């Protein structure tokens, strides 16, 4: 279930290239993390992978793959 962000003014949906910039990785790495279930907050919207920026930052703060 994809809940709306807690603060819609400061939060926004990121596309896969924007996720890669935030994660300082490649789009390919982001795609793999989604496919292998490591980045579970991402969801498809109109055929494109998106994620709330706050959810991505929470994932990174928790250690990403190292959590």
N, C-alpha and C. Protein backbone atom coordinates (compact mmCIF):
# COMPACT_ATOMS: atom_id res chain seq x y z
N UNK A 1 0.85 -1.17 0.00
CA UNK A 1 0.00 0.00 0.00
C UNK A 1 0.89 1.23 0.00
N UNK A 2 0.64 2.14 -0.90
CA UNK A 2 1.44 3.35 -1.01
C UNK A 2 0.71 4.52 -0.36
N UNK A 3 1.15 4.86 0.83
CA UNK A 3 0.53 5.94 1.58
C UNK A 3 1.06 7.28 1.10
N UNK A 4 0.26 8.33 1.18
CA UNK A 4 0.75 9.65 0.81
C UNK A 4 1.81 10.10 1.79
N UNK A 5 2.66 11.02 1.38
CA UNK A 5 3.71 11.49 2.27
C UNK A 5 3.13 12.22 3.47
N UNK A 6 3.90 12.27 4.56
CA UNK A 6 3.43 12.94 5.76
C UNK A 6 3.45 14.45 5.60
N UNK A 7 4.36 14.98 4.79
CA UNK A 7 4.44 16.41 4.55
C UNK A 7 4.47 16.65 3.04
N UNK A 8 3.31 16.76 2.40
CA UNK A 8 3.27 16.86 0.94
C UNK A 8 3.95 18.09 0.38
N UNK A 9 4.17 19.11 1.18
CA UNK A 9 4.83 20.31 0.68
C UNK A 9 6.29 20.05 0.39
N UNK A 10 6.98 19.30 1.24
CA UNK A 10 8.41 19.08 1.07
C UNK A 10 8.74 17.74 0.42
N UNK A 11 7.74 16.91 0.17
CA UNK A 11 7.98 15.59 -0.39
C UNK A 11 7.51 15.56 -1.84
N UNK A 12 8.12 14.70 -2.63
CA UNK A 12 7.70 14.56 -4.02
C UNK A 12 8.08 13.18 -4.51
N UNK A 13 7.48 12.79 -5.62
CA UNK A 13 7.81 11.51 -6.23
C UNK A 13 9.08 11.66 -7.07
N UNK A 14 9.96 10.68 -6.95
CA UNK A 14 11.19 10.66 -7.74
C UNK A 14 11.10 9.56 -8.79
N UNK A 15 11.57 9.86 -9.98
CA UNK A 15 11.71 8.86 -11.02
C UNK A 15 13.03 8.13 -10.83
N UNK A 16 13.23 7.05 -11.56
CA UNK A 16 14.42 6.23 -11.37
C UNK A 16 15.74 7.01 -11.53
N UNK A 17 15.89 7.87 -12.54
CA UNK A 17 17.15 8.63 -12.63
C UNK A 17 17.37 9.55 -11.43
N UNK A 18 16.27 10.10 -10.89
CA UNK A 18 16.39 10.95 -9.70
C UNK A 18 16.74 10.12 -8.47
N UNK A 19 16.22 8.90 -8.41
CA UNK A 19 16.59 7.99 -7.31
C UNK A 19 18.09 7.73 -7.35
N UNK A 20 18.61 7.49 -8.55
CA UNK A 20 20.03 7.20 -8.70
C UNK A 20 20.89 8.37 -8.22
N UNK A 21 20.47 9.59 -8.52
CA UNK A 21 21.22 10.77 -8.07
C UNK A 21 21.22 10.84 -6.55
N UNK A 22 20.04 10.66 -5.94
CA UNK A 22 19.94 10.70 -4.47
C UNK A 22 20.79 9.61 -3.82
N UNK A 23 20.87 8.44 -4.47
CA UNK A 23 21.60 7.31 -3.91
C UNK A 23 23.07 7.31 -4.32
N UNK A 24 23.43 8.24 -5.21
CA UNK A 24 24.80 8.30 -5.74
C UNK A 24 25.21 6.96 -6.35
N UNK A 25 24.31 6.45 -7.17
CA UNK A 25 24.56 5.18 -7.86
C UNK A 25 24.01 5.28 -9.27
N UNK A 26 24.08 4.19 -9.99
CA UNK A 26 23.57 4.18 -11.37
C UNK A 26 22.10 3.78 -11.40
N UNK A 27 21.46 4.08 -12.50
CA UNK A 27 20.07 3.67 -12.70
C UNK A 27 19.98 2.14 -12.67
N UNK A 28 20.99 1.48 -13.22
CA UNK A 28 21.02 0.02 -13.23
C UNK A 28 21.01 -0.54 -11.80
N UNK A 29 21.77 0.08 -10.91
CA UNK A 29 21.80 -0.36 -9.51
C UNK A 29 20.44 -0.16 -8.86
N UNK A 30 19.81 0.98 -9.11
CA UNK A 30 18.48 1.24 -8.56
C UNK A 30 17.51 0.18 -9.06
N UNK A 31 17.54 -0.11 -10.35
CA UNK A 31 16.65 -1.11 -10.94
C UNK A 31 16.85 -2.47 -10.28
N UNK A 32 18.12 -2.84 -10.05
CA UNK A 32 18.41 -4.14 -9.41
C UNK A 32 17.87 -4.18 -7.98
N UNK A 33 18.04 -3.09 -7.25
CA UNK A 33 17.55 -3.07 -5.86
C UNK A 33 16.04 -3.21 -5.82
N UNK A 34 15.35 -2.61 -6.78
CA UNK A 34 13.89 -2.76 -6.85
C UNK A 34 13.54 -4.20 -7.21
N UNK A 35 14.19 -4.75 -8.23
CA UNK A 35 13.88 -6.11 -8.70
C UNK A 35 14.14 -7.16 -7.64
N UNK A 36 15.20 -6.98 -6.84
CA UNK A 36 15.54 -7.96 -5.81
C UNK A 36 14.82 -7.70 -4.48
N UNK A 37 13.90 -6.73 -4.47
CA UNK A 37 13.09 -6.48 -3.29
C UNK A 37 13.78 -5.74 -2.17
N UNK A 38 14.90 -5.11 -2.45
CA UNK A 38 15.62 -4.36 -1.41
C UNK A 38 15.06 -2.95 -1.24
N UNK A 39 14.52 -2.39 -2.29
CA UNK A 39 13.94 -1.05 -2.26
C UNK A 39 12.43 -1.22 -2.42
N UNK A 40 11.78 -1.61 -1.33
CA UNK A 40 10.38 -2.03 -1.38
C UNK A 40 9.39 -0.87 -1.46
N UNK A 41 9.81 0.33 -1.15
CA UNK A 41 8.89 1.47 -1.17
C UNK A 41 8.61 1.96 -2.59
N UNK A 42 9.40 1.52 -3.57
CA UNK A 42 9.18 1.95 -4.96
C UNK A 42 7.95 1.25 -5.52
N UNK A 43 7.23 1.95 -6.37
CA UNK A 43 6.05 1.38 -7.00
C UNK A 43 5.91 1.94 -8.41
N UNK A 44 5.14 1.22 -9.22
CA UNK A 44 4.94 1.64 -10.61
C UNK A 44 3.75 2.60 -10.71
N UNK A 45 3.99 3.68 -11.40
CA UNK A 45 2.95 4.67 -11.67
C UNK A 45 3.02 5.00 -13.15
N UNK A 46 2.01 4.61 -13.89
CA UNK A 46 2.02 4.86 -15.33
C UNK A 46 3.13 4.14 -16.06
N UNK A 47 3.52 2.97 -15.57
CA UNK A 47 4.57 2.19 -16.22
C UNK A 47 5.98 2.59 -15.84
N UNK A 48 6.13 3.57 -14.96
CA UNK A 48 7.46 4.01 -14.54
C UNK A 48 7.61 3.80 -13.04
N UNK A 49 8.83 3.42 -12.63
CA UNK A 49 9.10 3.25 -11.21
C UNK A 49 9.25 4.62 -10.56
N UNK A 50 8.57 4.80 -9.42
CA UNK A 50 8.65 6.03 -8.65
C UNK A 50 8.76 5.69 -7.17
N UNK A 51 9.20 6.65 -6.39
CA UNK A 51 9.27 6.48 -4.93
C UNK A 51 9.14 7.86 -4.31
N UNK A 52 8.49 7.91 -3.16
CA UNK A 52 8.45 9.17 -2.43
C UNK A 52 9.86 9.47 -1.94
N UNK A 53 10.31 10.70 -2.07
CA UNK A 53 11.67 11.09 -1.66
C UNK A 53 11.89 10.77 -0.18
N UNK A 54 10.89 11.01 0.66
CA UNK A 54 11.03 10.73 2.09
C UNK A 54 11.25 9.24 2.35
N UNK A 55 10.60 8.37 1.57
CA UNK A 55 10.78 6.92 1.74
C UNK A 55 12.19 6.52 1.31
N UNK A 56 12.70 7.12 0.24
CA UNK A 56 14.05 6.82 -0.20
C UNK A 56 15.07 7.28 0.83
N UNK A 57 14.88 8.47 1.38
CA UNK A 57 15.81 8.97 2.40
C UNK A 57 15.77 8.11 3.66
N UNK A 58 14.59 7.63 4.02
CA UNK A 58 14.47 6.73 5.19
C UNK A 58 15.23 5.43 4.93
N UNK A 59 15.11 4.89 3.70
CA UNK A 59 15.84 3.68 3.31
C UNK A 59 17.35 3.91 3.42
N UNK A 60 17.80 5.05 2.94
CA UNK A 60 19.24 5.35 2.99
C UNK A 60 19.71 5.57 4.43
N UNK A 61 18.91 6.26 5.24
CA UNK A 61 19.28 6.49 6.64
C UNK A 61 19.38 5.18 7.40
N UNK A 62 18.55 4.22 7.02
CA UNK A 62 18.56 2.91 7.69
C UNK A 62 19.72 2.04 7.23
N UNK A 63 20.50 2.52 6.31
CA UNK A 63 21.67 1.77 5.86
C UNK A 63 21.52 1.16 4.49
N UNK A 64 20.38 1.39 3.82
CA UNK A 64 20.20 0.86 2.48
C UNK A 64 20.31 -0.65 2.48
N UNK A 65 21.20 -1.19 1.67
CA UNK A 65 21.41 -2.64 1.58
C UNK A 65 22.07 -3.20 2.83
N UNK A 66 22.66 -2.35 3.62
CA UNK A 66 23.43 -2.82 4.78
C UNK A 66 22.60 -2.88 6.04
N UNK A 67 21.30 -2.58 5.93
CA UNK A 67 20.45 -2.59 7.13
C UNK A 67 20.11 -4.00 7.56
